[in-house]
């Protein structure tokens, strides 16, 4: 039995699928961030709760960096990996020098300085590559008060690429952004996020 659906119904189904896929990715980023920071807090006795205000943003960097370090140094324990990741992320998202100093001292005591320096370099490369990509979209800088707040886009770029290979109009993008923001896992401007996603999709189409 064949079921024929209208173009509008098809658009709704596609929007639902993409929204669910992106929302799941963002939730995973946020949960991974909470897990890493919670574990590191137990290890170090330091309070990283203030970093949770970034929502899924930290996970956008944490997850790729974690995959890198796990692949290159499989002998490291999970707690050491979390400690290193937190140190790298805190270097970019925290201005608390006292806390950073304590964190780096613990990394030094564990003999992980060399690996940490390598991880920090890889994190910087990932961050700069992403920011260069966003900058190339010619989005007015003033609209993005903190470009680092958009690093949650890094793990979902493959999904956006898949979107670009199909036909999506602005209404679909608007609905997807609305749902993403509705989950409360990212704290950015809806107007800017719509423009960024639209520009990314246009870039992937070209």
C-alpha atoms as a PDB file:
ATOM      1  CA  UNK A   1       0.000   0.000   0.000  1.00  0.00           C
ATOM      2  CA  UNK A   2       1.493   3.325  -1.083  1.00  0.00           C
ATOM      3  CA  UNK A   3       0.987   6.399   1.056  1.00  0.00           C
ATOM      4  CA  UNK A   4       1.194   9.703  -0.747  1.00  0.00           C
ATOM      5  CA  UNK A   5       2.081  12.740   1.340  1.00  0.00           C
ATOM      6  CA  UNK A   6       2.017  16.379   0.399  1.00  0.00           C
ATOM      7  CA  UNK A   7       5.082  18.597   0.048  1.00  0.00           C
ATOM      8  CA  UNK A   8       4.112  20.338   3.289  1.00  0.00           C
ATOM      9  CA  UNK A   9       3.876  17.032   5.158  1.00  0.00           C
ATOM     10  CA  UNK A  10       7.224  15.959   3.745  1.00  0.00           C
ATOM     11  CA  UNK A  11       8.773  19.224   4.947  1.00  0.00           C
ATOM     12  CA  UNK A  12       7.354  18.613   8.432  1.00  0.00           C
ATOM     13  CA  UNK A  13       8.786  15.080   8.539  1.00  0.00           C
ATOM     14  CA  UNK A  14      12.196  16.275   7.384  1.00  0.00           C
ATOM     15  CA  UNK A  15      12.185  19.107   9.906  1.00  0.00           C
ATOM     16  CA  UNK A  16      11.290  16.667  12.700  1.00  0.00           C
ATOM     17  CA  UNK A  17      14.078  14.270  11.723  1.00  0.00           C
ATOM     18  CA  UNK A  18      16.768  16.929  11.445  1.00  0.00           C
ATOM     19  CA  UNK A  19      15.605  18.672  14.630  1.00  0.00           C
ATOM     20  CA  UNK A  20      15.719  15.421  16.588  1.00  0.00           C
ATOM     21  CA  UNK A  21      19.174  14.566  15.231  1.00  0.00           C
ATOM     22  CA  UNK A  22      20.612  17.975  16.104  1.00  0.00           C
ATOM     23  CA  UNK A  23      18.890  18.090  19.489  1.00  0.00           C
ATOM     24  CA  UNK A  24      20.277  14.666  20.408  1.00  0.00           C
ATOM     25  CA  UNK A  25      23.775  15.851  19.449  1.00  0.00           C
ATOM     26  CA  UNK A  26      23.463  18.952  21.622  1.00  0.00           C
ATOM     27  CA  UNK A  27      22.124  16.971  24.566  1.00  0.00           C
ATOM     28  CA  UNK A  28      25.050  14.551  24.258  1.00  0.00           C
ATOM     29  CA  UNK A  29      27.477  17.480  24.261  1.00  0.00           C
ATOM     30  CA  UNK A  30      25.939  18.935  27.400  1.00  0.00           C
ATOM     31  CA  UNK A  31      25.847  15.581  29.203  1.00  0.00           C
ATOM     32  CA  UNK A  32      29.457  14.849  28.241  1.00  0.00           C
ATOM     33  CA  UNK A  33      30.511  18.257  29.572  1.00  0.00           C
ATOM     34  CA  UNK A  34      28.737  17.655  32.885  1.00  0.00           C
ATOM     35  CA  UNK A  35      30.335  14.230  33.196  1.00  0.00           C
ATOM     36  CA  UNK A  36      33.857  15.518  32.493  1.00  0.00           C
ATOM     37  CA  UNK A  37      33.591  18.492  34.839  1.00  0.00           C
ATOM     38  CA  UNK A  38      31.973  16.446  37.601  1.00  0.00           C
ATOM     39  CA  UNK A  39      34.692  13.798  37.447  1.00  0.00           C
ATOM     40  CA  UNK A  40      37.467  16.399  37.372  1.00  0.00           C
ATOM     41  CA  UNK A  41      35.927  18.224  40.320  1.00  0.00           C
ATOM     42  CA  UNK A  42      36.102  15.016  42.352  1.00  0.00           C
ATOM     43  CA  UNK A  43      39.743  14.486  41.352  1.00  0.00           C
ATOM     44  CA  UNK A  44      40.931  18.039  41.996  1.00  0.00           C
ATOM     45  CA  UNK A  45      38.539  19.418  44.592  1.00  0.00           C
ATOM     46  CA  UNK A  46      38.057  22.457  42.350  1.00  0.00           C
ATOM     47  CA  UNK A  47      34.624  23.852  41.514  1.00  0.00           C
ATOM     48  CA  UNK A  48      33.900  23.965  37.781  1.00  0.00           C
ATOM     49  CA  UNK A  49      30.152  24.554  38.051  1.00  0.00           C
ATOM     50  CA  UNK A  50      30.509  28.040  36.547  1.00  0.00           C
ATOM     51  CA  UNK A  51      31.578  26.442  33.260  1.00  0.00           C
ATOM     52  CA  UNK A  52      28.231  24.657  32.978  1.00  0.00           C
ATOM     53  CA  UNK A  53      26.626  27.985  32.064  1.00  0.00           C
ATOM     54  CA  UNK A  54      28.116  27.462  28.606  1.00  0.00           C
ATOM     55  CA  UNK A  55      25.705  24.563  28.072  1.00  0.00           C
ATOM     56  CA  UNK A  56      26.523  22.441  25.029  1.00  0.00           C
ATOM     57  CA  UNK A  57      29.167  24.892  23.835  1.00  0.00           C
ATOM     58  CA  UNK A  58      32.021  23.275  25.777  1.00  0.00           C
ATOM     59  CA  UNK A  59      31.052  19.870  24.475  1.00  0.00           C
ATOM     60  CA  UNK A  60      31.583  21.127  20.950  1.00  0.00           C
ATOM     61  CA  UNK A  61      35.294  21.284  21.703  1.00  0.00           C
ATOM     62  CA  UNK A  62      35.483  18.652  24.433  1.00  0.00           C
ATOM     63  CA  UNK A  63      34.139  15.738  22.413  1.00  0.00           C
ATOM     64  CA  UNK A  64      36.482  16.032  19.384  1.00  0.00           C
ATOM     65  CA  UNK A  65      39.431  16.699  21.696  1.00  0.00           C
ATOM     66  CA  UNK A  66      38.505  13.666  23.804  1.00  0.00           C
ATOM     67  CA  UNK A  67      38.401  11.460  20.700  1.00  0.00           C
ATOM     68  CA  UNK A  68      41.843  12.737  19.697  1.00  0.00           C
ATOM     69  CA  UNK A  69      43.471  12.084  23.067  1.00  0.00           C
ATOM     70  CA  UNK A  70      41.821   8.672  23.521  1.00  0.00           C
ATOM     71  CA  UNK A  71      42.962   7.581  20.075  1.00  0.00           C
ATOM     72  CA  UNK A  72      46.546   8.727  20.499  1.00  0.00           C
ATOM     73  CA  UNK A  73      47.045   7.735  24.144  1.00  0.00           C
ATOM     74  CA  UNK A  74      44.855   4.675  24.810  1.00  0.00           C
ATOM     75  CA  UNK A  75      46.885   3.920  27.921  1.00  0.00           C
ATOM     76  CA  UNK A  76      45.544   6.991  29.730  1.00  0.00           C
ATOM     77  CA  UNK A  77      42.858   6.483  32.353  1.00  0.00           C
ATOM     78  CA  UNK A  78      39.463   8.130  31.938  1.00  0.00           C
ATOM     79  CA  UNK A  79      40.143  10.391  34.917  1.00  0.00           C
ATOM     80  CA  UNK A  80      43.442  11.593  33.411  1.00  0.00           C
ATOM     81  CA  UNK A  81      41.748  12.261  30.073  1.00  0.00           C
ATOM     82  CA  UNK A  82      39.004  14.252  31.780  1.00  0.00           C
ATOM     83  CA  UNK A  83      41.608  16.198  33.747  1.00  0.00           C
ATOM     84  CA  UNK A  84      43.517  17.080  30.571  1.00  0.00           C
ATOM     85  CA  UNK A  85      40.366  18.042  28.673  1.00  0.00           C
ATOM     86  CA  UNK A  86      39.193  20.272  31.512  1.00  0.00           C
ATOM     87  CA  UNK A  87      42.580  21.958  31.642  1.00  0.00           C
ATOM     88  CA  UNK A  88      42.511  22.675  27.911  1.00  0.00           C
ATOM     89  CA  UNK A  89      38.917  23.922  27.896  1.00  0.00           C
ATOM     90  CA  UNK A  90      39.333  26.023  31.035  1.00  0.00           C
ATOM     91  CA  UNK A  91      42.305  27.730  29.385  1.00  0.00           C
ATOM     92  CA  UNK A  92      39.883  29.232  26.849  1.00  0.00           C
ATOM     93  CA  UNK A  93      36.667  29.605  28.810  1.00  0.00           C
ATOM     94  CA  UNK A  94      37.878  30.727  32.232  1.00  0.00           C
ATOM     95  CA  UNK A  95      39.654  33.870  33.410  1.00  0.00           C
ATOM     96  CA  UNK A  96      40.159  32.478  36.927  1.00  0.00           C
ATOM     97  CA  UNK A  97      43.967  32.412  37.038  1.00  0.00           C
ATOM     98  CA  UNK A  98      44.088  30.941  40.536  1.00  0.00           C
ATOM     99  CA  UNK A  99      41.923  27.991  39.545  1.00  0.00           C
ATOM    100  CA  UNK A 100      43.874  27.465  36.315  1.00  0.00           C
ATOM    101  CA  UNK A 101      47.152  27.504  38.229  1.00  0.00           C
ATOM    102  CA  UNK A 102      45.932  24.806  40.635  1.00  0.00           C
ATOM    103  CA  UNK A 103      44.632  22.717  37.758  1.00  0.00           C
ATOM    104  CA  UNK A 104      47.920  22.947  35.873  1.00  0.00           C
ATOM    105  CA  UNK A 105      49.883  22.037  39.024  1.00  0.00           C
ATOM    106  CA  UNK A 106      47.852  18.835  39.369  1.00  0.00           C
ATOM    107  CA  UNK A 107      48.519  18.003  35.706  1.00  0.00           C
ATOM    108  CA  UNK A 108      52.229  18.586  36.357  1.00  0.00           C
ATOM    109  CA  UNK A 109      52.201  16.388  39.473  1.00  0.00           C
ATOM    110  CA  UNK A 110      50.729  13.560  37.406  1.00  0.00           C
ATOM    111  CA  UNK A 111      53.493  13.890  34.821  1.00  0.00           C
ATOM    112  CA  UNK A 112      51.069  14.831  32.063  1.00  0.00           C
ATOM    113  CA  UNK A 113      52.541  18.172  31.019  1.00  0.00           C
ATOM    114  CA  UNK A 114      53.874  16.960  27.659  1.00  0.00           C
ATOM    115  CA  UNK A 115      50.553  15.391  26.700  1.00  0.00           C
ATOM    116  CA  UNK A 116      48.689  18.443  27.969  1.00  0.00           C
ATOM    117  CA  UNK A 117      50.790  20.775  25.815  1.00  0.00           C
ATOM    118  CA  UNK A 118      50.027  18.603  22.791  1.00  0.00           C
ATOM    119  CA  UNK A 119      46.338  18.547  23.654  1.00  0.00           C
ATOM    120  CA  UNK A 120      46.300  22.304  24.138  1.00  0.00           C
ATOM    121  CA  UNK A 121      47.872  22.760  20.712  1.00  0.00           C
ATOM    122  CA  UNK A 122      45.297  20.458  19.114  1.00  0.00           C
ATOM    123  CA  UNK A 123      42.458  22.274  20.874  1.00  0.00           C
ATOM    124  CA  UNK A 124      43.819  25.591  19.664  1.00  0.00           C
ATOM    125  CA  UNK A 125      44.058  24.272  16.104  1.00  0.00           C
ATOM    126  CA  UNK A 126      40.472  23.010  16.200  1.00  0.00           C
ATOM    127  CA  UNK A 127      39.227  26.247  17.716  1.00  0.00           C
ATOM    128  CA  UNK A 128      41.069  28.456  15.228  1.00  0.00           C
ATOM    129  CA  UNK A 129      40.018  26.349  12.246  1.00  0.00           C
ATOM    130  CA  UNK A 130      36.388  26.617  13.325  1.00  0.00           C
ATOM    131  CA  UNK A 131      36.584  30.360  13.992  1.00  0.00           C
ATOM    132  CA  UNK A 132      38.290  30.931  10.628  1.00  0.00           C
ATOM    133  CA  UNK A 133      35.472  28.998   8.976  1.00  0.00           C
ATOM    134  CA  UNK A 134      32.826  31.092  10.746  1.00  0.00           C
ATOM    135  CA  UNK A 135      34.728  34.271   9.902  1.00  0.00           C
ATOM    136  CA  UNK A 136      34.762  33.249   6.231  1.00  0.00           C
ATOM    137  CA  UNK A 137      30.954  33.302   6.231  1.00  0.00           C
ATOM    138  CA  UNK A 138      31.131  37.112   6.396  1.00  0.00           C
ATOM    139  CA  UNK A 139      28.789  37.395   9.341  1.00  0.00           C
ATOM    140  CA  UNK A 140      29.008  40.774  11.032  1.00  0.00           C
ATOM    141  CA  UNK A 141      31.323  40.301  14.015  1.00  0.00           C
ATOM    142  CA  UNK A 142      29.242  42.652  16.155  1.00  0.00           C
ATOM    143  CA  UNK A 143      26.401  40.119  15.969  1.00  0.00           C
ATOM    144  CA  UNK A 144      28.613  37.511  17.606  1.00  0.00           C
ATOM    145  CA  UNK A 145      29.646  38.955  20.945  1.00  0.00           C
ATOM    146  CA  UNK A 146      31.615  35.777  21.676  1.00  0.00           C
ATOM    147  CA  UNK A 147      32.401  33.537  18.726  1.00  0.00           C
ATOM    148  CA  UNK A 148      33.462  30.733  21.081  1.00  0.00           C
ATOM    149  CA  UNK A 149      29.824  30.441  22.156  1.00  0.00           C
ATOM    150  CA  UNK A 150      29.131  28.786  18.793  1.00  0.00           C
ATOM    151  CA  UNK A 151      31.616  25.918  19.052  1.00  0.00           C
ATOM    152  CA  UNK A 152      28.685  23.588  19.723  1.00  0.00           C
ATOM    153  CA  UNK A 153      28.275  23.683  15.936  1.00  0.00           C
ATOM    154  CA  UNK A 154      31.489  21.698  15.369  1.00  0.00           C
ATOM    155  CA  UNK A 155      30.073  18.185  15.955  1.00  0.00           C
ATOM    156  CA  UNK A 156      26.865  18.951  14.028  1.00  0.00           C
ATOM    157  CA  UNK A 157      28.567  20.237  10.874  1.00  0.00           C
ATOM    158  CA  UNK A 158      28.145  16.802   9.179  1.00  0.00           C
ATOM    159  CA  UNK A 159      24.372  17.034   9.724  1.00  0.00           C
ATOM    160  CA  UNK A 160      24.327  20.545   8.296  1.00  0.00           C
ATOM    161  CA  UNK A 161      26.318  19.272   5.328  1.00  0.00           C
ATOM    162  CA  UNK A 162      23.704  16.589   4.710  1.00  0.00           C
ATOM    163  CA  UNK A 163      21.020  19.249   4.892  1.00  0.00           C
ATOM    164  CA  UNK A 164      22.841  21.254   2.245  1.00  0.00           C
ATOM    165  CA  UNK A 165      22.701  18.336  -0.180  1.00  0.00           C
ATOM    166  CA  UNK A 166      18.927  18.514  -0.133  1.00  0.00           C
ATOM    167  CA  UNK A 167      16.467  21.326  -0.690  1.00  0.00           C
ATOM    168  CA  UNK A 168      15.678  23.297   2.462  1.00  0.00           C
ATOM    169  CA  UNK A 169      14.089  26.708   2.631  1.00  0.00           C
ATOM    170  CA  UNK A 170      14.391  29.365   5.305  1.00  0.00           C
ATOM    171  CA  UNK A 171      11.210  28.175   7.034  1.00  0.00           C
ATOM    172  CA  UNK A 172      12.812  24.820   7.768  1.00  0.00           C
ATOM    173  CA  UNK A 173      15.946  26.483   9.132  1.00  0.00           C
ATOM    174  CA  UNK A 174      13.859  28.831  11.301  1.00  0.00           C
ATOM    175  CA  UNK A 175      11.900  25.926  12.763  1.00  0.00           C
ATOM    176  CA  UNK A 176      15.041  23.904  13.461  1.00  0.00           C
ATOM    177  CA  UNK A 177      16.731  26.840  15.217  1.00  0.00           C
ATOM    178  CA  UNK A 178      13.576  27.475  17.241  1.00  0.00           C
ATOM    179  CA  UNK A 179      13.568  23.885  18.474  1.00  0.00           C
ATOM    180  CA  UNK A 180      17.285  23.857  19.227  1.00  0.00           C
ATOM    181  CA  UNK A 181      17.002  26.973  21.364  1.00  0.00           C
ATOM    182  CA  UNK A 182      13.855  25.577  22.971  1.00  0.00           C
ATOM    183  CA  UNK A 183      15.830  22.711  24.505  1.00  0.00           C
ATOM    184  CA  UNK A 184      17.861  25.227  26.476  1.00  0.00           C
ATOM    185  CA  UNK A 185      21.234  23.595  25.818  1.00  0.00           C
ATOM    186  CA  UNK A 186      22.721  26.573  23.985  1.00  0.00           C
ATOM    187  CA  UNK A 187      22.732  30.221  24.973  1.00  0.00           C
ATOM    188  CA  UNK A 188      23.129  32.295  21.811  1.00  0.00           C
ATOM    189  CA  UNK A 189      21.153  34.780  19.772  1.00  0.00           C
ATOM    190  CA  UNK A 190      18.396  33.137  17.714  1.00  0.00           C
ATOM    191  CA  UNK A 191      18.829  35.728  14.947  1.00  0.00           C
ATOM    192  CA  UNK A 192      22.558  35.130  14.689  1.00  0.00           C
ATOM    193  CA  UNK A 193      22.214  31.354  14.902  1.00  0.00           C
ATOM    194  CA  UNK A 194      19.703  31.377  12.037  1.00  0.00           C
ATOM    195  CA  UNK A 195      22.077  33.441   9.935  1.00  0.00           C
ATOM    196  CA  UNK A 196      25.067  31.234  10.735  1.00  0.00           C
ATOM    197  CA  UNK A 197      23.244  28.000   9.907  1.00  0.00           C
ATOM    198  CA  UNK A 198      21.854  29.511   6.706  1.00  0.00           C
ATOM    199  CA  UNK A 199      25.320  30.661   5.656  1.00  0.00           C
ATOM    200  CA  UNK A 200      26.888  27.304   6.530  1.00  0.00           C
ATOM    201  CA  UNK A 201      24.309  25.448   4.450  1.00  0.00           C
ATOM    202  CA  UNK A 202      24.820  27.856   1.554  1.00  0.00           C
ATOM    203  CA  UNK A 203      28.591  27.314   1.812  1.00  0.00           C
ATOM    204  CA  UNK A 204      28.161  23.528   1.757  1.00  0.00           C
ATOM    205  CA  UNK A 205      25.914  23.824  -1.271  1.00  0.00           C
ATOM    206  CA  UNK A 206      28.458  25.785  -3.289  1.00  0.00           C
END
